[in-house]
Amino acid sequence: MIKNLLLAMSIMSVINVCSEDLFDANNYKSLTEDNKAYRVGDTVTVLIFERTTAESSANTVAEREFNLKGQAFDNTRENDLGVGIGKGTEGDAVTRRNGFVSGTITALVTEKSDVGLLKIEGVQSIVLNGEKQSINIKGYVRREDINANNTVVSNRLTNAEIEFIGKGIVSDAQKPGWIATVFEWLGII
């Protein structure tokens, strides 16, 4: 027993022992802290509720008028002579667009800025009846905007890029045919 102890002590004296602090201030998380994303590699769930409404309208009224009158006299009667030219144009146009998107996606924290903003990115793909639908999301979020259950609403993202893409039979049917494309290119339709 003493022999083993002396052997272990002699090995330890030969090996260069280095120690590191077990506490890492950059990655410290208190046991009582909530489970919110705060560093690169963490995930956060984004609740997407986006509603957009846009409206544009124009009203044009233009009128032009030119009149020329003249009178001529002779001994028997008075003659009136007149020329008139008129032009009028009126037009109205209204464009409206409404959109609503909702969904849920879990994104990965890919960067942490110097001011504490978390850059998140996420992709989710679903194939349903041969139609592939993808949700892509990118943006920055403040840690304060992440709820205690590690979720954030999409309208709290800065520089948000939210994209819903569908590829397959349904989305192909929505595209114009080649004849319509040619007519549109020619300016006919």
N, C-alpha and C. Protein backbone atom coordinates (compact mmCIF):
# COMPACT_ATOMS: atom_id res chain seq x y z
N MET A 1 0.81 -1.18 0.00
CA MET A 1 0.00 0.00 0.00
C MET A 1 0.86 1.26 0.00
N ILE A 2 1.84 1.30 0.87
CA ILE A 2 2.74 2.44 0.93
C ILE A 2 3.55 2.52 -0.35
N LYS A 3 3.87 1.36 -0.88
CA LYS A 3 4.62 1.30 -2.12
C LYS A 3 3.81 1.95 -3.27
N ASN A 4 2.53 1.64 -3.35
CA ASN A 4 1.66 2.22 -4.38
C ASN A 4 1.50 3.72 -4.22
N LEU A 5 1.41 4.17 -2.98
CA LEU A 5 1.29 5.58 -2.69
C LEU A 5 2.54 6.35 -3.11
N LEU A 6 3.71 5.78 -2.81
CA LEU A 6 4.97 6.41 -3.21
C LEU A 6 5.11 6.44 -4.73
N LEU A 7 4.69 5.37 -5.39
CA LEU A 7 4.74 5.32 -6.84
C LEU A 7 3.84 6.39 -7.45
N ALA A 8 2.62 6.56 -6.94
CA ALA A 8 1.69 7.56 -7.45
C ALA A 8 2.23 8.96 -7.23
N MET A 9 2.86 9.21 -6.06
CA MET A 9 3.42 10.53 -5.77
C MET A 9 4.60 10.83 -6.69
N SER A 10 5.40 9.85 -6.97
CA SER A 10 6.55 10.09 -7.85
C SER A 10 6.09 10.35 -9.29
N ILE A 11 5.04 9.67 -9.74
CA ILE A 11 4.51 9.91 -11.09
C ILE A 11 3.93 11.31 -11.17
N MET A 12 3.23 11.74 -10.13
CA MET A 12 2.64 13.08 -10.12
C MET A 12 3.70 14.16 -10.10
N SER A 13 4.79 13.92 -9.46
CA SER A 13 5.84 14.94 -9.43
C SER A 13 6.53 15.07 -10.78
N VAL A 14 6.53 14.02 -11.57
CA VAL A 14 7.17 14.05 -12.88
C VAL A 14 6.24 14.71 -13.91
N ILE A 15 4.94 14.44 -13.83
CA ILE A 15 3.98 14.99 -14.80
C ILE A 15 3.72 16.45 -14.48
N ASN A 16 3.76 17.25 -15.53
CA ASN A 16 3.48 18.68 -15.37
C ASN A 16 1.97 18.83 -15.19
N VAL A 17 1.56 19.22 -14.04
CA VAL A 17 0.15 19.35 -13.74
C VAL A 17 -0.27 20.80 -13.96
N CYS A 18 -1.32 20.95 -14.77
CA CYS A 18 -1.86 22.29 -14.96
C CYS A 18 -3.35 22.24 -14.64
N SER A 19 -3.81 23.29 -14.09
CA SER A 19 -5.22 23.32 -13.73
C SER A 19 -5.88 24.52 -14.40
N GLU A 20 -7.15 24.37 -14.67
CA GLU A 20 -7.93 25.46 -15.24
C GLU A 20 -9.10 25.73 -14.32
N ASP A 21 -9.57 26.93 -14.41
CA ASP A 21 -10.72 27.32 -13.63
C ASP A 21 -11.95 26.62 -14.20
N LEU A 22 -12.75 26.03 -13.37
CA LEU A 22 -13.95 25.35 -13.81
C LEU A 22 -15.07 26.34 -14.16
N PHE A 23 -14.95 27.56 -13.72
CA PHE A 23 -15.96 28.58 -13.97
C PHE A 23 -15.63 29.30 -15.27
N ASP A 24 -16.58 29.32 -16.20
CA ASP A 24 -16.43 30.03 -17.46
C ASP A 24 -17.50 31.12 -17.50
N ALA A 25 -17.07 32.36 -17.35
CA ALA A 25 -18.01 33.48 -17.25
C ALA A 25 -18.83 33.65 -18.52
N ASN A 26 -18.28 33.30 -19.69
CA ASN A 26 -19.00 33.48 -20.95
C ASN A 26 -20.15 32.49 -21.11
N ASN A 27 -20.03 31.31 -20.52
CA ASN A 27 -21.05 30.29 -20.68
C ASN A 27 -21.78 29.95 -19.39
N TYR A 28 -21.61 30.77 -18.37
CA TYR A 28 -22.25 30.50 -17.10
C TYR A 28 -23.75 30.68 -17.19
N LYS A 29 -24.48 29.75 -16.64
CA LYS A 29 -25.93 29.84 -16.58
C LYS A 29 -26.36 29.39 -15.18
N SER A 30 -27.07 30.26 -14.51
CA SER A 30 -27.52 29.98 -13.16
C SER A 30 -28.53 28.83 -13.15
N LEU A 31 -28.56 28.09 -12.08
CA LEU A 31 -29.51 26.99 -11.95
C LEU A 31 -30.95 27.48 -11.88
N THR A 32 -31.14 28.73 -11.44
CA THR A 32 -32.49 29.26 -11.31
C THR A 32 -32.92 30.07 -12.54
N GLU A 33 -32.04 30.20 -13.51
CA GLU A 33 -32.36 30.97 -14.71
C GLU A 33 -33.29 30.17 -15.62
N ASP A 34 -34.14 30.88 -16.40
CA ASP A 34 -35.02 30.19 -17.32
C ASP A 34 -34.23 29.61 -18.48
N ASN A 35 -34.90 28.83 -19.30
CA ASN A 35 -34.24 28.07 -20.36
C ASN A 35 -34.33 28.80 -21.70
N LYS A 36 -33.96 30.07 -21.74
CA LYS A 36 -34.01 30.86 -22.96
C LYS A 36 -32.71 30.72 -23.74
N ALA A 37 -32.83 30.85 -25.06
CA ALA A 37 -31.64 30.84 -25.91
C ALA A 37 -30.80 32.08 -25.60
N TYR A 38 -29.50 31.91 -25.50
CA TYR A 38 -28.65 33.07 -25.24
C TYR A 38 -27.26 32.94 -25.84
N ARG A 39 -26.95 31.83 -26.47
CA ARG A 39 -25.62 31.67 -27.05
C ARG A 39 -25.71 30.92 -28.38
N VAL A 40 -24.63 30.97 -29.14
CA VAL A 40 -24.57 30.29 -30.43
C VAL A 40 -24.76 28.80 -30.21
N GLY A 41 -25.62 28.20 -31.03
CA GLY A 41 -25.92 26.78 -30.92
C GLY A 41 -27.23 26.49 -30.21
N ASP A 42 -27.76 27.47 -29.47
CA ASP A 42 -29.05 27.29 -28.81
C ASP A 42 -30.17 27.39 -29.85
N THR A 43 -31.32 26.86 -29.51
CA THR A 43 -32.47 26.95 -30.40
C THR A 43 -33.55 27.80 -29.76
N VAL A 44 -34.38 28.40 -30.60
CA VAL A 44 -35.51 29.20 -30.15
C VAL A 44 -36.67 28.93 -31.11
N THR A 45 -37.87 28.83 -30.57
CA THR A 45 -39.06 28.58 -31.38
C THR A 45 -39.68 29.91 -31.77
N VAL A 46 -39.91 30.10 -33.07
CA VAL A 46 -40.48 31.33 -33.60
C VAL A 46 -41.95 31.07 -33.94
N LEU A 47 -42.84 31.86 -33.37
CA LEU A 47 -44.27 31.79 -33.67
C LEU A 47 -44.55 32.83 -34.75
N ILE A 48 -44.86 32.37 -35.94
CA ILE A 48 -45.04 33.27 -37.08
C ILE A 48 -46.52 33.64 -37.19
N PHE A 49 -46.79 34.91 -37.00
CA PHE A 49 -48.13 35.49 -37.19
C PHE A 49 -47.92 36.80 -37.93
N GLU A 50 -48.00 36.77 -39.23
CA GLU A 50 -47.77 37.96 -40.04
C GLU A 50 -49.02 38.27 -40.86
N ARG A 51 -49.44 39.51 -40.81
CA ARG A 51 -50.57 39.98 -41.61
C ARG A 51 -50.11 41.25 -42.30
N THR A 52 -50.25 41.26 -43.61
CA THR A 52 -49.88 42.45 -44.38
C THR A 52 -51.07 42.92 -45.18
N THR A 53 -51.22 44.21 -45.23
CA THR A 53 -52.26 44.82 -46.02
C THR A 53 -51.65 46.04 -46.71
N ALA A 54 -51.86 46.12 -48.01
CA ALA A 54 -51.35 47.27 -48.76
C ALA A 54 -52.45 47.75 -49.69
N GLU A 55 -52.53 49.05 -49.85
CA GLU A 55 -53.51 49.62 -50.75
C GLU A 55 -52.90 50.84 -51.42
N SER A 56 -53.13 50.93 -52.69
CA SER A 56 -52.65 52.07 -53.47
C SER A 56 -53.79 52.52 -54.36
N SER A 57 -54.00 53.82 -54.45
CA SER A 57 -55.06 54.30 -55.32
C SER A 57 -54.60 55.55 -56.05
N ALA A 58 -55.18 55.76 -57.21
CA ALA A 58 -54.87 56.94 -58.01
C ALA A 58 -56.16 57.42 -58.66
N ASN A 59 -56.27 58.72 -58.80
CA ASN A 59 -57.43 59.31 -59.43
C ASN A 59 -56.92 60.43 -60.33
N THR A 60 -57.31 60.40 -61.57
CA THR A 60 -56.85 61.40 -62.53
C THR A 60 -58.05 62.03 -63.22
N VAL A 61 -58.07 63.34 -63.25
CA VAL A 61 -59.07 64.07 -64.00
C VAL A 61 -58.33 65.17 -64.75
N ALA A 62 -58.48 65.18 -66.05
CA ALA A 62 -57.84 66.22 -66.86
C ALA A 62 -58.85 66.70 -67.88
N GLU A 63 -58.97 68.00 -68.00
CA GLU A 63 -59.88 68.58 -68.98
C GLU A 63 -59.16 69.70 -69.70
N ARG A 64 -59.46 69.81 -71.00
CA ARG A 64 -58.93 70.89 -71.82
C ARG A 64 -60.06 71.44 -72.67
N GLU A 65 -60.05 72.72 -72.85
CA GLU A 65 -61.09 73.31 -73.66
C GLU A 65 -60.52 74.52 -74.39
N PHE A 66 -60.90 74.66 -75.63
CA PHE A 66 -60.47 75.80 -76.43
C PHE A 66 -61.69 76.30 -77.18
N ASN A 67 -62.00 77.55 -77.07
CA ASN A 67 -63.17 78.14 -77.75
C ASN A 67 -62.72 79.38 -78.52
N LEU A 68 -63.31 79.55 -79.67
CA LEU A 68 -63.06 80.72 -80.50
C LEU A 68 -64.41 81.17 -81.04
N LYS A 69 -64.73 82.41 -80.83
CA LYS A 69 -66.02 82.96 -81.29
C LYS A 69 -65.75 84.19 -82.15
N GLY A 70 -66.61 84.34 -83.07
CA GLY A 70 -66.52 85.53 -83.92
C GLY A 70 -67.90 85.98 -84.35
N GLN A 71 -68.05 87.23 -84.68
CA GLN A 71 -69.32 87.77 -85.15
C GLN A 71 -69.08 88.56 -86.43
N ALA A 72 -70.04 88.41 -87.30
CA ALA A 72 -69.98 89.17 -88.56
C ALA A 72 -71.30 89.89 -88.75
N PHE A 73 -71.25 91.10 -89.26
CA PHE A 73 -72.46 91.90 -89.49
C PHE A 73 -72.59 92.23 -90.98
N ASP A 74 -73.77 92.19 -91.43
CA ASP A 74 -74.09 92.82 -92.71
C ASP A 74 -75.39 93.61 -92.52
N ASN A 75 -75.90 94.21 -93.52
CA ASN A 75 -77.06 95.08 -93.35
C ASN A 75 -78.33 94.32 -93.03
N THR A 76 -78.42 93.09 -93.39
CA THR A 76 -79.67 92.37 -93.20
C THR A 76 -79.72 91.54 -91.92
N ARG A 77 -78.63 91.04 -91.50
CA ARG A 77 -78.69 90.19 -90.29
C ARG A 77 -77.31 90.08 -89.62
N GLU A 78 -77.33 89.52 -88.46
CA GLU A 78 -76.10 89.30 -87.68
C GLU A 78 -75.75 87.83 -87.78
N ASN A 79 -74.52 87.51 -88.08
CA ASN A 79 -74.07 86.12 -88.21
C ASN A 79 -73.08 85.79 -87.08
N ASP A 80 -73.32 84.67 -86.44
CA ASP A 80 -72.39 84.21 -85.42
C ASP A 80 -71.58 83.05 -85.98
N LEU A 81 -70.34 83.05 -85.65
CA LEU A 81 -69.44 81.99 -86.10
C LEU A 81 -68.68 81.51 -84.87
N GLY A 82 -68.57 80.23 -84.67
CA GLY A 82 -67.85 79.72 -83.51
C GLY A 82 -67.18 78.39 -83.77
N VAL A 83 -66.08 78.18 -83.13
CA VAL A 83 -65.34 76.91 -83.20
C VAL A 83 -65.02 76.52 -81.76
N GLY A 84 -65.24 75.31 -81.42
CA GLY A 84 -64.91 74.83 -80.08
C GLY A 84 -64.21 73.49 -80.13
N ILE A 85 -63.24 73.31 -79.30
CA ILE A 85 -62.51 72.05 -79.19
C ILE A 85 -62.47 71.69 -77.71
N GLY A 86 -62.78 70.49 -77.39
CA GLY A 86 -62.74 70.07 -76.00
C GLY A 86 -62.17 68.67 -75.85
N LYS A 87 -61.57 68.42 -74.72
CA LYS A 87 -61.00 67.09 -74.44
C LYS A 87 -61.12 66.84 -72.95
N GLY A 88 -61.52 65.67 -72.59
CA GLY A 88 -61.61 65.32 -71.18
C GLY A 88 -61.13 63.90 -70.95
N THR A 89 -60.45 63.71 -69.85
CA THR A 89 -59.96 62.39 -69.48
C THR A 89 -60.22 62.19 -68.00
N GLU A 90 -60.63 60.98 -67.66
CA GLU A 90 -60.86 60.67 -66.26
C GLU A 90 -60.49 59.22 -66.03
N GLY A 91 -59.82 58.95 -64.94
CA GLY A 91 -59.44 57.57 -64.65
C GLY A 91 -59.27 57.34 -63.15
N ASP A 92 -59.59 56.13 -62.74
CA ASP A 92 -59.42 55.70 -61.35
C ASP A 92 -58.72 54.36 -61.35
N ALA A 93 -57.87 54.14 -60.36
CA ALA A 93 -57.21 52.85 -60.21
C ALA A 93 -57.03 52.57 -58.73
N VAL A 94 -57.27 51.34 -58.35
CA VAL A 94 -57.08 50.91 -56.96
C VAL A 94 -56.41 49.54 -56.99
N THR A 95 -55.39 49.41 -56.18
CA THR A 95 -54.70 48.13 -56.02
C THR A 95 -54.73 47.77 -54.55
N ARG A 96 -55.17 46.56 -54.26
CA ARG A 96 -55.20 46.08 -52.87
C ARG A 96 -54.54 44.72 -52.81
N ARG A 97 -53.80 44.50 -51.72
CA ARG A 97 -53.17 43.21 -51.51
C ARG A 97 -53.23 42.89 -50.02
N ASN A 98 -53.69 41.69 -49.71
CA ASN A 98 -53.77 41.24 -48.33
C ASN A 98 -53.04 39.90 -48.22
N GLY A 99 -52.39 39.69 -47.11
CA GLY A 99 -51.73 38.41 -46.90
C GLY A 99 -51.72 38.04 -45.42
N PHE A 100 -51.82 36.76 -45.15
CA PHE A 100 -51.77 36.28 -43.77
C PHE A 100 -50.96 34.99 -43.75
N VAL A 101 -50.01 34.93 -42.87
CA VAL A 101 -49.14 33.76 -42.75
C VAL A 101 -49.05 33.40 -41.27
N SER A 102 -49.20 32.12 -40.97
CA SER A 102 -48.99 31.68 -39.59
C SER A 102 -48.27 30.34 -39.62
N GLY A 103 -47.50 30.11 -38.61
CA GLY A 103 -46.75 28.86 -38.52
C GLY A 103 -45.83 28.89 -37.32
N THR A 104 -45.15 27.79 -37.10
CA THR A 104 -44.20 27.67 -36.01
C THR A 104 -42.95 26.98 -36.54
N ILE A 105 -41.79 27.51 -36.22
CA ILE A 105 -40.53 26.93 -36.67
C ILE A 105 -39.49 27.13 -35.57
N THR A 106 -38.65 26.14 -35.39
CA THR A 106 -37.55 26.26 -34.44
C THR A 106 -36.30 26.65 -35.21
N ALA A 107 -35.65 27.70 -34.74
CA ALA A 107 -34.48 28.24 -35.42
C ALA A 107 -33.26 28.12 -34.52
N LEU A 108 -32.10 28.16 -35.14
CA LEU A 108 -30.82 28.01 -34.46
C LEU A 108 -30.16 29.37 -34.32
N VAL A 109 -29.58 29.64 -33.16
CA VAL A 109 -28.81 30.86 -32.97
C VAL A 109 -27.46 30.64 -33.65
N THR A 110 -27.16 31.46 -34.67
CA THR A 110 -25.92 31.28 -35.43
C THR A 110 -24.85 32.29 -35.08
N GLU A 111 -25.24 33.43 -34.52
CA GLU A 111 -24.28 34.47 -34.14
C GLU A 111 -24.82 35.22 -32.93
N LYS A 112 -23.89 35.86 -32.22
CA LYS A 112 -24.28 36.78 -31.15
C LYS A 112 -23.49 38.06 -31.38
N SER A 113 -24.21 39.17 -31.58
CA SER A 113 -23.54 40.44 -31.90
C SER A 113 -22.93 41.05 -30.65
N ASP A 114 -22.14 42.08 -30.87
CA ASP A 114 -21.49 42.77 -29.75
C ASP A 114 -22.48 43.42 -28.81
N VAL A 115 -23.64 43.80 -29.32
CA VAL A 115 -24.66 44.44 -28.49
C VAL A 115 -25.67 43.44 -27.93
N GLY A 116 -25.44 42.16 -28.17
CA GLY A 116 -26.28 41.13 -27.58
C GLY A 116 -27.41 40.61 -28.45
N LEU A 117 -27.52 41.08 -29.69
CA LEU A 117 -28.55 40.55 -30.57
C LEU A 117 -28.18 39.14 -31.01
N LEU A 118 -29.17 38.26 -31.04
CA LEU A 118 -28.95 36.88 -31.47
C LEU A 118 -29.43 36.74 -32.90
N LYS A 119 -28.56 36.30 -33.80
CA LYS A 119 -28.96 36.04 -35.17
C LYS A 119 -29.49 34.62 -35.22
N ILE A 120 -30.71 34.47 -35.74
CA ILE A 120 -31.31 33.14 -35.83
C ILE A 120 -31.60 32.79 -37.28
N GLU A 121 -31.52 31.51 -37.59
CA GLU A 121 -31.84 31.00 -38.92
C GLU A 121 -32.50 29.65 -38.75
N GLY A 122 -33.52 29.40 -39.56
CA GLY A 122 -34.20 28.12 -39.49
C GLY A 122 -34.85 27.76 -40.81
N VAL A 123 -34.91 26.47 -41.10
CA VAL A 123 -35.54 25.94 -42.30
C VAL A 123 -36.36 24.73 -41.88
N GLN A 124 -37.58 24.66 -42.41
CA GLN A 124 -38.43 23.51 -42.14
C GLN A 124 -39.12 23.14 -43.44
N SER A 125 -39.07 21.86 -43.80
CA SER A 125 -39.69 21.39 -45.04
C SER A 125 -40.69 20.29 -44.73
N ILE A 126 -41.82 20.36 -45.43
CA ILE A 126 -42.88 19.36 -45.27
C ILE A 126 -43.31 18.93 -46.67
N VAL A 127 -43.43 17.62 -46.88
CA VAL A 127 -43.93 17.11 -48.15
C VAL A 127 -45.30 16.51 -47.89
N LEU A 128 -46.30 17.03 -48.60
CA LEU A 128 -47.67 16.58 -48.42
C LEU A 128 -48.27 16.34 -49.80
N ASN A 129 -48.60 15.08 -50.09
CA ASN A 129 -49.17 14.70 -51.39
C ASN A 129 -48.31 15.16 -52.56
N GLY A 130 -47.02 15.00 -52.44
CA GLY A 130 -46.11 15.36 -53.52
C GLY A 130 -45.78 16.84 -53.61
N GLU A 131 -46.36 17.66 -52.77
CA GLU A 131 -46.09 19.10 -52.75
C GLU A 131 -45.15 19.40 -51.60
N LYS A 132 -43.96 19.94 -51.92
CA LYS A 132 -42.99 20.28 -50.88
C LYS A 132 -43.18 21.73 -50.47
N GLN A 133 -43.43 21.95 -49.19
CA GLN A 133 -43.59 23.28 -48.66
C GLN A 133 -42.46 23.54 -47.67
N SER A 134 -41.82 24.69 -47.82
CA SER A 134 -40.70 25.04 -46.96
C SER A 134 -40.95 26.38 -46.30
N ILE A 135 -40.51 26.48 -45.06
CA ILE A 135 -40.52 27.73 -44.32
C ILE A 135 -39.06 28.07 -44.04
N ASN A 136 -38.63 29.25 -44.46
CA ASN A 136 -37.29 29.74 -44.16
C ASN A 136 -37.43 31.00 -43.33
N ILE A 137 -36.60 31.12 -42.30
CA ILE A 137 -36.65 32.31 -41.46
C ILE A 137 -35.23 32.72 -41.09
N LYS A 138 -35.00 34.03 -41.11
CA LYS A 138 -33.73 34.63 -40.68
C LYS A 138 -34.06 35.94 -39.99
N GLY A 139 -33.23 36.34 -39.08
CA GLY A 139 -33.41 37.63 -38.43
C GLY A 139 -32.63 37.72 -37.14
N TYR A 140 -32.77 38.85 -36.49
CA TYR A 140 -32.11 39.10 -35.21
C TYR A 140 -33.17 39.29 -34.14
N VAL A 141 -32.87 38.80 -32.95
CA VAL A 141 -33.81 38.92 -31.84
C VAL A 141 -33.05 39.35 -30.59
N ARG A 142 -33.70 40.18 -29.79
CA ARG A 142 -33.12 40.54 -28.49
C ARG A 142 -33.46 39.45 -27.49
N ARG A 143 -32.56 39.18 -26.60
CA ARG A 143 -32.81 38.14 -25.59
C ARG A 143 -34.03 38.47 -24.74
N GLU A 144 -34.27 39.76 -24.52
CA GLU A 144 -35.42 40.19 -23.72
C GLU A 144 -36.74 39.84 -24.40
N ASP A 145 -36.74 39.70 -25.73
CA ASP A 145 -37.97 39.40 -26.46
C ASP A 145 -38.30 37.91 -26.48
N ILE A 146 -37.40 37.09 -26.01
CA ILE A 146 -37.66 35.65 -25.95
C ILE A 146 -38.41 35.36 -24.65
N ASN A 147 -39.56 34.71 -24.76
CA ASN A 147 -40.39 34.40 -23.59
C ASN A 147 -39.74 33.33 -22.73
N ALA A 148 -40.27 33.14 -21.53
CA ALA A 148 -39.72 32.16 -20.59
C ALA A 148 -39.78 30.74 -21.14
N ASN A 149 -40.73 30.46 -22.03
CA ASN A 149 -40.82 29.12 -22.62
C ASN A 149 -40.00 29.00 -23.91
N ASN A 150 -39.07 29.92 -24.11
CA ASN A 150 -38.12 29.92 -25.22
C ASN A 150 -38.81 30.09 -26.58
N THR A 151 -39.83 30.94 -26.63
CA THR A 151 -40.51 31.27 -27.88
C THR A 151 -40.44 32.78 -28.11
N VAL A 152 -40.51 33.15 -29.37
CA VAL A 152 -40.54 34.57 -29.74
C VAL A 152 -41.54 34.73 -30.88
N VAL A 153 -42.31 35.81 -30.84
CA VAL A 153 -43.26 36.09 -31.90
C VAL A 153 -42.51 36.76 -33.05
N SER A 154 -42.86 36.42 -34.28
CA SER A 154 -42.10 36.87 -35.44
C SER A 154 -42.03 38.39 -35.59
N ASN A 155 -43.02 39.11 -35.09
CA ASN A 155 -42.96 40.57 -35.23
C ASN A 155 -41.93 41.21 -34.29
N ARG A 156 -41.28 40.43 -33.46
CA ARG A 156 -40.21 40.94 -32.59
C ARG A 156 -38.83 40.75 -33.22
N LEU A 157 -38.76 40.15 -34.42
CA LEU A 157 -37.48 39.96 -35.10
C LEU A 157 -37.09 41.23 -35.84
N THR A 158 -35.81 41.54 -35.79
CA THR A 158 -35.27 42.66 -36.55
C THR A 158 -34.71 42.13 -37.85
N ASN A 159 -34.91 42.87 -38.94
CA ASN A 159 -34.45 42.44 -40.28
C ASN A 159 -34.94 41.04 -40.60
N ALA A 160 -36.19 40.79 -40.30
CA ALA A 160 -36.76 39.45 -40.51
C ALA A 160 -36.93 39.14 -41.98
N GLU A 161 -36.58 37.94 -42.35
CA GLU A 161 -36.83 37.40 -43.68
C GLU A 161 -37.61 36.11 -43.47
N ILE A 162 -38.89 36.14 -43.81
CA ILE A 162 -39.75 34.97 -43.64
C ILE A 162 -40.24 34.58 -45.02
N GLU A 163 -40.03 33.33 -45.38
CA GLU A 163 -40.34 32.88 -46.73
C GLU A 163 -41.09 31.56 -46.67
N PHE A 164 -42.25 31.51 -47.32
CA PHE A 164 -43.01 30.28 -47.49
C PHE A 164 -42.92 29.92 -48.96
N ILE A 165 -42.44 28.73 -49.26
CA ILE A 165 -42.25 28.31 -50.64
C ILE A 165 -42.94 26.97 -50.84
N GLY A 166 -43.66 26.86 -51.94
CA GLY A 166 -44.29 25.59 -52.30
C GLY A 166 -43.81 25.14 -53.67
N LYS A 167 -43.46 23.88 -53.79
CA LYS A 167 -43.02 23.33 -55.07
C LYS A 167 -43.71 21.99 -55.28
N GLY A 168 -44.29 21.85 -56.47
CA GLY A 168 -44.97 20.60 -56.79
C GLY A 168 -46.13 20.85 -57.73
N ILE A 169 -47.05 19.91 -57.74
CA ILE A 169 -48.17 19.93 -58.69
C ILE A 169 -49.04 21.17 -58.49
N VAL A 170 -49.38 21.49 -57.26
CA VAL A 170 -50.28 22.62 -57.00
C VAL A 170 -49.63 23.94 -57.40
N SER A 171 -48.38 24.17 -57.00
CA SER A 171 -47.73 25.43 -57.35
C SER A 171 -47.44 25.51 -58.84
N ASP A 172 -47.16 24.38 -59.50
CA ASP A 172 -46.95 24.39 -60.95
C ASP A 172 -48.23 24.78 -61.69
N ALA A 173 -49.37 24.36 -61.18
CA ALA A 173 -50.65 24.67 -61.82
C ALA A 173 -50.97 26.16 -61.71
N GLN A 174 -50.37 26.85 -60.75
CA GLN A 174 -50.62 28.28 -60.56
C GLN A 174 -49.82 29.14 -61.52
N LYS A 175 -48.81 28.59 -62.16
CA LYS A 175 -47.97 29.36 -63.08
C LYS A 175 -48.65 29.46 -64.44
N PRO A 176 -48.45 30.60 -65.14
CA PRO A 176 -49.05 30.72 -66.46
C PRO A 176 -48.37 29.79 -67.45
N GLY A 177 -49.13 29.35 -68.46
CA GLY A 177 -48.58 28.49 -69.50
C GLY A 177 -47.64 29.25 -70.42
N TRP A 178 -47.03 28.53 -71.34
CA TRP A 178 -46.03 29.17 -72.20
C TRP A 178 -46.68 30.14 -73.19
N ILE A 179 -47.91 29.88 -73.61
CA ILE A 179 -48.58 30.80 -74.53
C ILE A 179 -48.87 32.12 -73.82
N ALA A 180 -49.37 32.04 -72.60
CA ALA A 180 -49.64 33.26 -71.83
C ALA A 180 -48.35 34.01 -71.55
N THR A 181 -47.27 33.28 -71.30
CA THR A 181 -45.98 33.92 -71.06
C THR A 181 -45.50 34.67 -72.30
N VAL A 182 -45.65 34.08 -73.49
CA VAL A 182 -45.25 34.74 -74.73
C VAL A 182 -46.11 35.97 -74.99
N PHE A 183 -47.43 35.84 -74.82
CA PHE A 183 -48.32 36.99 -75.01
C PHE A 183 -48.00 38.12 -74.04
N GLU A 184 -47.67 37.76 -72.81
CA GLU A 184 -47.31 38.78 -71.83
C GLU A 184 -46.00 39.46 -72.23
N TRP A 185 -45.05 38.68 -72.73
CA TRP A 185 -43.76 39.22 -73.15
C TRP A 185 -43.95 40.18 -74.33
N LEU A 186 -44.87 39.84 -75.24
CA LEU A 186 -45.15 40.69 -76.39
C LEU A 186 -45.98 41.92 -76.00
N GLY A 187 -46.53 41.91 -74.81
CA GLY A 187 -47.34 43.04 -74.36
C GLY A 187 -48.78 42.96 -74.80
N ILE A 188 -49.20 41.81 -75.27
CA ILE A 188 -50.57 41.66 -75.71
C ILE A 188 -51.52 41.56 -74.53
N ILE A 189 -51.10 40.84 -73.50
CA ILE A 189 -51.93 40.74 -72.28
C ILE A 189 -51.18 41.30 -71.11
